[in-house]
Amino acid sequence: MEKIFQKYREIIVYIGVGLLTTIVAYGVRFVVLYPFSAILSIDLTTNSAEAALLRTVAISVGWVAGVIFAFFTNKAWVFRDTVSGKGAVWVQFGKFTLSRVSTFFVEWGLGALIPMLMIMCGFEPFKFIVTVDADMIATAVSIVLVTVLNYILSKLLVFTKKND
């Protein structure tokens, strides 16, 4: 079992850190989306401009929280990166952030456009432990796709085992 863990350690730890990052990012996202939709009386089952704007704000705030959390946990735990020095770490953080900006647009597209398309096609929320709405379905799809893309970009562009 230890040999298997050592062979796949990076991916196993990445999945664990990814789960924590997902909890942080989507937790913040939903803490913004649902309470503010109630406070501002925005109906998320419609294709209103207000609903689209609130989704974009919620996705953005969650993304920022996730990027900050993910950088430090990926650097320390997943890739065991040894790049140090303020300048080098800031450069690395810049690369990390730029790679995450690219996947942010994927996440935004899924998180903002899929619910609108689903609603246009007549999707109705349904009960499965909790009420499952179009936003939750889009979130589930984006979790998988964005996680895979983020690993590839981090491995190839950010944490390259070189001392900058």
Protein backbone atom coordinates (compact mmCIF):
# COMPACT_ATOMS: atom_id res chain seq x y z
CA MET A 1 0.00 0.00 0.00
CA GLU A 2 2.87 2.36 0.85
CA LYS A 3 4.44 1.76 -2.57
CA ILE A 4 1.21 2.64 -4.31
CA PHE A 5 0.86 5.80 -2.23
CA GLN A 6 4.46 6.85 -2.97
CA LYS A 7 4.01 6.17 -6.68
CA TYR A 8 0.84 8.26 -6.86
CA ARG A 9 1.49 10.58 -3.90
CA GLU A 10 1.33 13.79 -5.89
CA ILE A 11 -2.01 12.98 -7.49
CA ILE A 12 -3.49 11.62 -4.25
CA VAL A 13 -2.45 14.71 -2.30
CA TYR A 14 -3.60 16.94 -5.18
CA ILE A 15 -7.04 15.38 -4.97
CA GLY A 16 -7.13 15.97 -1.20
CA VAL A 17 -5.96 19.57 -1.55
CA GLY A 18 -8.37 19.98 -4.45
CA LEU A 19 -11.23 18.86 -2.24
CA LEU A 20 -10.22 21.38 0.42
CA THR A 21 -9.84 24.09 -2.22
CA THR A 22 -13.25 23.20 -3.62
CA ILE A 23 -14.81 23.49 -0.18
CA VAL A 24 -13.20 26.91 0.28
CA ALA A 25 -14.01 28.25 -3.20
CA TYR A 26 -17.52 26.89 -3.58
CA GLY A 27 -18.35 27.46 0.06
CA VAL A 28 -17.53 31.14 -0.38
CA ARG A 29 -19.39 31.14 -3.72
CA PHE A 30 -22.59 29.75 -2.22
CA VAL A 31 -22.30 31.95 0.89
CA VAL A 32 -22.39 34.91 -1.50
CA LEU A 33 -24.93 33.54 -4.01
CA TYR A 34 -27.79 32.26 -1.90
CA PRO A 35 -27.93 34.75 1.01
CA PHE A 36 -27.47 37.72 -1.32
CA SER A 37 -30.13 36.43 -3.71
CA ALA A 38 -32.50 36.33 -0.72
CA ILE A 39 -31.39 39.72 0.67
CA LEU A 40 -31.66 41.39 -2.75
CA SER A 41 -34.80 39.43 -3.78
CA ILE A 42 -33.12 38.01 -6.88
CA ASP A 43 -34.87 34.97 -8.32
CA LEU A 44 -32.18 32.51 -9.45
CA THR A 45 -34.71 30.49 -11.43
CA THR A 46 -34.99 33.27 -14.02
CA ASN A 47 -32.61 34.59 -16.65
CA SER A 48 -32.58 38.10 -15.28
CA ALA A 49 -29.58 40.39 -15.59
CA GLU A 50 -29.51 40.62 -11.80
CA ALA A 51 -29.23 36.84 -11.44
CA ALA A 52 -26.41 36.72 -14.01
CA LEU A 53 -24.57 39.55 -12.25
CA LEU A 54 -24.95 37.94 -8.82
CA ARG A 55 -23.69 34.62 -10.20
CA THR A 56 -20.66 36.37 -11.67
CA VAL A 57 -19.88 38.14 -8.39
CA ALA A 58 -20.30 34.92 -6.38
CA ILE A 59 -18.09 32.95 -8.79
CA SER A 60 -15.43 35.69 -8.68
CA VAL A 61 -15.27 35.98 -4.90
CA GLY A 62 -15.12 32.20 -4.55
CA TRP A 63 -12.41 32.04 -7.17
CA VAL A 64 -10.18 34.56 -5.37
CA ALA A 65 -10.51 32.66 -2.08
CA GLY A 66 -9.76 29.38 -3.84
CA VAL A 67 -6.69 30.68 -5.69
CA ILE A 68 -5.05 32.04 -2.56
CA PHE A 69 -5.75 28.85 -0.62
CA ALA A 70 -4.70 26.59 -3.52
CA PHE A 71 -1.38 28.33 -4.18
CA PHE A 72 -0.02 27.82 -0.71
CA THR A 73 -1.35 24.29 -0.25
CA ASN A 74 -0.20 23.14 -3.69
CA LYS A 75 3.23 24.68 -3.22
CA ALA A 76 3.79 23.10 0.18
CA TRP A 77 1.91 19.81 0.12
CA VAL A 78 1.33 18.69 -3.47
CA PHE A 79 4.40 19.69 -5.42
CA ARG A 80 6.73 20.13 -2.41
CA ASP A 81 8.10 23.17 -4.11
CA THR A 82 11.32 24.65 -2.75
CA VAL A 83 11.39 27.94 -4.64
CA SER A 84 11.99 30.62 -2.04
CA GLY A 85 12.74 34.30 -1.81
CA LYS A 86 10.08 36.96 -2.06
CA GLY A 87 10.71 37.77 -5.71
CA ALA A 88 10.75 34.16 -6.89
CA VAL A 89 7.63 33.26 -4.92
CA TRP A 90 5.78 36.31 -6.29
CA VAL A 91 6.75 35.31 -9.84
CA GLN A 92 5.51 31.81 -9.12
CA PHE A 93 2.29 33.18 -7.60
CA GLY A 94 1.86 35.30 -10.73
CA LYS A 95 2.19 32.24 -12.96
CA PHE A 96 -0.19 30.33 -10.73
CA THR A 97 -2.72 33.16 -10.82
CA LEU A 98 -2.49 33.50 -14.62
CA SER A 99 -3.04 29.78 -15.04
CA ARG A 100 -6.04 30.01 -12.74
CA VAL A 101 -7.37 33.02 -14.67
CA SER A 102 -7.57 30.82 -17.76
CA THR A 103 -9.57 28.17 -15.91
CA PHE A 104 -11.67 30.88 -14.26
CA PHE A 105 -13.15 31.63 -17.67
CA VAL A 106 -14.02 27.96 -18.06
CA GLU A 107 -15.61 28.02 -14.60
CA TRP A 108 -17.44 31.25 -15.31
CA GLY A 109 -18.76 29.89 -18.58
CA LEU A 110 -20.05 26.78 -16.92
CA GLY A 111 -21.32 28.55 -13.81
CA ALA A 112 -23.09 31.41 -15.56
CA LEU A 113 -24.13 30.05 -18.94
CA ILE A 114 -25.18 26.47 -18.16
CA PRO A 115 -27.87 27.52 -15.64
CA MET A 116 -29.29 30.00 -18.16
CA LEU A 117 -29.35 27.34 -20.89
CA MET A 118 -30.88 24.77 -18.57
CA ILE A 119 -33.61 27.21 -17.51
CA MET A 120 -34.28 28.13 -21.15
CA CYS A 121 -34.71 24.40 -21.89
CA GLY A 122 -37.28 24.11 -19.11
CA PHE A 123 -35.17 22.65 -16.31
CA GLU A 124 -36.95 22.57 -12.97
CA PRO A 125 -35.12 22.14 -9.65
CA PHE A 126 -35.69 18.79 -7.98
CA LYS A 127 -35.31 17.38 -4.51
CA PHE A 128 -32.44 14.94 -3.85
CA ILE A 129 -31.43 15.29 -0.20
CA VAL A 130 -31.36 19.04 -0.92
CA THR A 131 -33.04 20.96 -3.70
CA VAL A 132 -30.84 20.55 -6.77
CA ASP A 133 -30.97 23.57 -9.02
CA ALA A 134 -29.21 24.51 -12.25
CA ASP A 135 -26.42 26.28 -10.34
CA MET A 136 -25.57 23.13 -8.40
CA ILE A 137 -25.44 21.01 -11.56
CA ALA A 138 -23.19 23.51 -13.32
CA THR A 139 -20.98 23.60 -10.24
CA ALA A 140 -20.59 19.82 -10.20
CA VAL A 141 -19.57 19.78 -13.87
CA SER A 142 -17.10 22.62 -13.41
CA ILE A 143 -15.47 21.00 -10.37
CA VAL A 144 -14.31 18.04 -12.43
CA LEU A 145 -13.17 19.91 -15.54
CA VAL A 146 -11.47 22.79 -13.74
CA THR A 147 -9.64 20.47 -11.31
CA VAL A 148 -8.08 18.49 -14.15
CA LEU A 149 -7.10 21.63 -16.05
CA ASN A 150 -5.60 23.24 -12.93
CA TYR A 151 -3.43 20.19 -12.18
CA ILE A 152 -2.05 20.11 -15.72
CA LEU A 153 -1.27 23.83 -15.73
CA SER A 154 0.29 23.76 -12.24
CA LYS A 155 2.47 20.77 -13.11
CA LEU A 156 3.62 22.09 -16.49
CA LEU A 157 3.85 25.85 -15.90
CA VAL A 158 4.12 26.73 -12.20
CA PHE A 159 5.73 24.08 -10.02
CA THR A 160 8.34 22.81 -12.45
CA LYS A 161 10.94 21.66 -9.87
CA LYS A 162 13.34 24.34 -11.10
CA ASN A 163 14.74 26.95 -8.78
CA ASP A 164 13.91 30.20 -10.60
